[in-house]
Amino acid sequence: MKNNDFIDLSDSNEVNYEVFLFFLKQGREIEFTYNEEEYFIPNHSEGRVLLNEEGDNLNPYIEDPEEFVIKAKINGLTLKEIFQNQNDKIEFGTIF
């Protein structure tokens, strides 16, 4: 997929793994719900971190988006596994 294919997806609720990784590489901040729990991925100068709805860091800061998606986990599953397995319920909120 070309990068232009993802330009108009920031308001979409349907984001697959490729789009998710593309948004991270763009530097976007992502809010989503997974299994009825809210999560937020901010873009800090230290890198990316996965926050739960209470604001707790679920992983250390990681600069590289591809490393981030394989190290950040929710209930033992990496973000890569979660976003590649669309059988689980993922709903996107705001993508900045």
C-alpha atoms as a PDB file:
ATOM      1  CA  MET A   1       0.000   0.000   0.000  1.00  0.00           C
ATOM      2  CA  LYS A   2       1.212   3.479  -0.774  1.00  0.00           C
ATOM      3  CA  ASN A   3       1.322   6.075   1.981  1.00  0.00           C
ATOM      4  CA  ASN A   4      -1.326   8.107   0.148  1.00  0.00           C
ATOM      5  CA  ASP A   5      -3.790   5.265   0.738  1.00  0.00           C
ATOM      6  CA  PHE A   6      -3.802   6.109   4.450  1.00  0.00           C
ATOM      7  CA  ILE A   7      -4.239   9.883   4.286  1.00  0.00           C
ATOM      8  CA  ASP A   8      -8.016   9.970   4.788  1.00  0.00           C
ATOM      9  CA  LEU A   9      -8.216   7.245   7.429  1.00  0.00           C
ATOM     10  CA  SER A  10      -7.632   9.395  10.527  1.00  0.00           C
ATOM     11  CA  ASP A  11     -11.390   9.564  11.153  1.00  0.00           C
ATOM     12  CA  SER A  12     -11.986   5.901  10.354  1.00  0.00           C
ATOM     13  CA  ASN A  13     -12.859   3.371  13.021  1.00  0.00           C
ATOM     14  CA  GLU A  14     -11.387   0.589  10.884  1.00  0.00           C
ATOM     15  CA  VAL A  15      -7.619   0.545  11.232  1.00  0.00           C
ATOM     16  CA  ASN A  16      -5.602  -2.565  10.430  1.00  0.00           C
ATOM     17  CA  TYR A  17      -2.016  -3.255  11.512  1.00  0.00           C
ATOM     18  CA  GLU A  18      -0.421  -1.592   8.457  1.00  0.00           C
ATOM     19  CA  VAL A  19      -2.407   1.606   8.989  1.00  0.00           C
ATOM     20  CA  PHE A  20      -1.736   1.542  12.746  1.00  0.00           C
ATOM     21  CA  LEU A  21       2.033   1.266  12.147  1.00  0.00           C
ATOM     22  CA  PHE A  22       1.871   3.985   9.473  1.00  0.00           C
ATOM     23  CA  PHE A  23       0.154   6.358  11.930  1.00  0.00           C
ATOM     24  CA  LEU A  24       2.824   5.649  14.566  1.00  0.00           C
ATOM     25  CA  LYS A  25       5.588   6.366  12.046  1.00  0.00           C
ATOM     26  CA  GLN A  26       3.858   9.648  11.142  1.00  0.00           C
ATOM     27  CA  GLY A  27       4.068  10.657  14.799  1.00  0.00           C
ATOM     28  CA  ARG A  28       0.330  10.571  15.440  1.00  0.00           C
ATOM     29  CA  GLU A  29      -1.116  10.091  18.897  1.00  0.00           C
ATOM     30  CA  ILE A  30      -3.657   7.282  19.040  1.00  0.00           C
ATOM     31  CA  GLU A  31      -6.577   6.639  21.363  1.00  0.00           C
ATOM     32  CA  PHE A  32      -8.368   3.297  21.153  1.00  0.00           C
ATOM     33  CA  THR A  33     -10.546   0.851  23.054  1.00  0.00           C
ATOM     34  CA  TYR A  34      -9.584  -2.811  23.213  1.00  0.00           C
ATOM     35  CA  ASN A  35     -11.881  -5.311  24.931  1.00  0.00           C
ATOM     36  CA  GLU A  36     -13.840  -2.428  26.466  1.00  0.00           C
ATOM     37  CA  GLU A  37     -10.765  -0.787  28.055  1.00  0.00           C
ATOM     38  CA  GLU A  38      -9.345   2.532  26.862  1.00  0.00           C
ATOM     39  CA  TYR A  39      -5.697   3.047  25.875  1.00  0.00           C
ATOM     40  CA  PHE A  40      -3.655   5.977  24.629  1.00  0.00           C
ATOM     41  CA  ILE A  41      -0.356   6.120  22.749  1.00  0.00           C
ATOM     42  CA  PRO A  42       1.182   9.595  23.027  1.00  0.00           C
ATOM     43  CA  ASN A  43       4.184  10.776  21.044  1.00  0.00           C
ATOM     44  CA  HIS A  44       6.822  12.037  23.489  1.00  0.00           C
ATOM     45  CA  SER A  45      10.375  13.144  22.780  1.00  0.00           C
ATOM     46  CA  GLU A  46      11.477  10.016  24.716  1.00  0.00           C
ATOM     47  CA  GLY A  47       9.485   7.800  22.345  1.00  0.00           C
ATOM     48  CA  ARG A  48       6.199   5.925  22.486  1.00  0.00           C
ATOM     49  CA  VAL A  49       4.493   4.507  25.536  1.00  0.00           C
ATOM     50  CA  LEU A  50       1.197   2.681  25.976  1.00  0.00           C
ATOM     51  CA  LEU A  51      -1.037   4.190  28.657  1.00  0.00           C
ATOM     52  CA  ASN A  52      -4.106   2.584  30.184  1.00  0.00           C
ATOM     53  CA  GLU A  53      -7.223   4.590  31.061  1.00  0.00           C
ATOM     54  CA  GLU A  54      -5.783   5.446  34.492  1.00  0.00           C
ATOM     55  CA  GLY A  55      -2.706   6.941  32.792  1.00  0.00           C
ATOM     56  CA  ASP A  56      -0.310   4.202  33.907  1.00  0.00           C
ATOM     57  CA  ASN A  57       2.628   3.391  31.608  1.00  0.00           C
ATOM     58  CA  LEU A  58       2.303  -0.211  30.442  1.00  0.00           C
ATOM     59  CA  ASN A  59       5.810  -0.272  28.932  1.00  0.00           C
ATOM     60  CA  PRO A  60       8.986   1.806  28.950  1.00  0.00           C
ATOM     61  CA  TYR A  61       9.396   4.550  26.333  1.00  0.00           C
ATOM     62  CA  ILE A  62      10.475   3.149  22.956  1.00  0.00           C
ATOM     63  CA  GLU A  63      11.580   5.385  20.081  1.00  0.00           C
ATOM     64  CA  ASP A  64      11.273   3.005  17.127  1.00  0.00           C
ATOM     65  CA  PRO A  65       7.614   2.352  16.116  1.00  0.00           C
ATOM     66  CA  GLU A  66       8.373  -1.170  14.848  1.00  0.00           C
ATOM     67  CA  GLU A  67      10.092  -2.063  18.120  1.00  0.00           C
ATOM     68  CA  PHE A  68       7.255  -0.430  20.069  1.00  0.00           C
ATOM     69  CA  VAL A  69       4.531  -2.628  18.511  1.00  0.00           C
ATOM     70  CA  ILE A  70       6.396  -5.827  19.434  1.00  0.00           C
ATOM     71  CA  LYS A  71       7.322  -4.771  22.984  1.00  0.00           C
ATOM     72  CA  ALA A  72       4.194  -2.930  24.177  1.00  0.00           C
ATOM     73  CA  LYS A  73       1.673  -5.459  25.494  1.00  0.00           C
ATOM     74  CA  ILE A  74      -1.898  -5.679  26.687  1.00  0.00           C
ATOM     75  CA  ASN A  75      -2.747  -8.805  28.698  1.00  0.00           C
ATOM     76  CA  GLY A  76       0.343 -10.595  27.361  1.00  0.00           C
ATOM     77  CA  LEU A  77      -0.355  -9.799  23.690  1.00  0.00           C
ATOM     78  CA  THR A  78       1.837  -7.399  21.739  1.00  0.00           C
ATOM     79  CA  LEU A  79       0.209  -4.502  19.926  1.00  0.00           C
ATOM     80  CA  LYS A  80       1.324  -6.140  16.681  1.00  0.00           C
ATOM     81  CA  GLU A  81      -0.556  -9.340  17.594  1.00  0.00           C
ATOM     82  CA  ILE A  82      -3.621  -7.390  18.677  1.00  0.00           C
ATOM     83  CA  PHE A  83      -3.832  -5.276  15.524  1.00  0.00           C
ATOM     84  CA  GLN A  84      -3.102  -8.192  13.203  1.00  0.00           C
ATOM     85  CA  ASN A  85      -5.835 -10.259  14.876  1.00  0.00           C
ATOM     86  CA  GLN A  86      -8.954  -8.272  14.069  1.00  0.00           C
ATOM     87  CA  ASN A  87     -11.148 -10.926  15.748  1.00  0.00           C
ATOM     88  CA  ASP A  88     -10.685  -8.974  18.969  1.00  0.00           C
ATOM     89  CA  LYS A  89     -12.746  -5.860  19.453  1.00  0.00           C
ATOM     90  CA  ILE A  90     -10.747  -2.700  18.710  1.00  0.00           C
ATOM     91  CA  GLU A  91     -12.422   0.683  18.382  1.00  0.00           C
ATOM     92  CA  PHE A  92     -10.519   3.830  17.593  1.00  0.00           C
ATOM     93  CA  GLY A  93     -11.162   7.124  19.228  1.00  0.00           C
ATOM     94  CA  THR A  94      -9.191  10.170  18.243  1.00  0.00           C
ATOM     95  CA  ILE A  95      -6.104   9.913  16.078  1.00  0.00           C
ATOM     96  CA  PHE A  96      -4.122  13.132  16.251  1.00  0.00           C
END
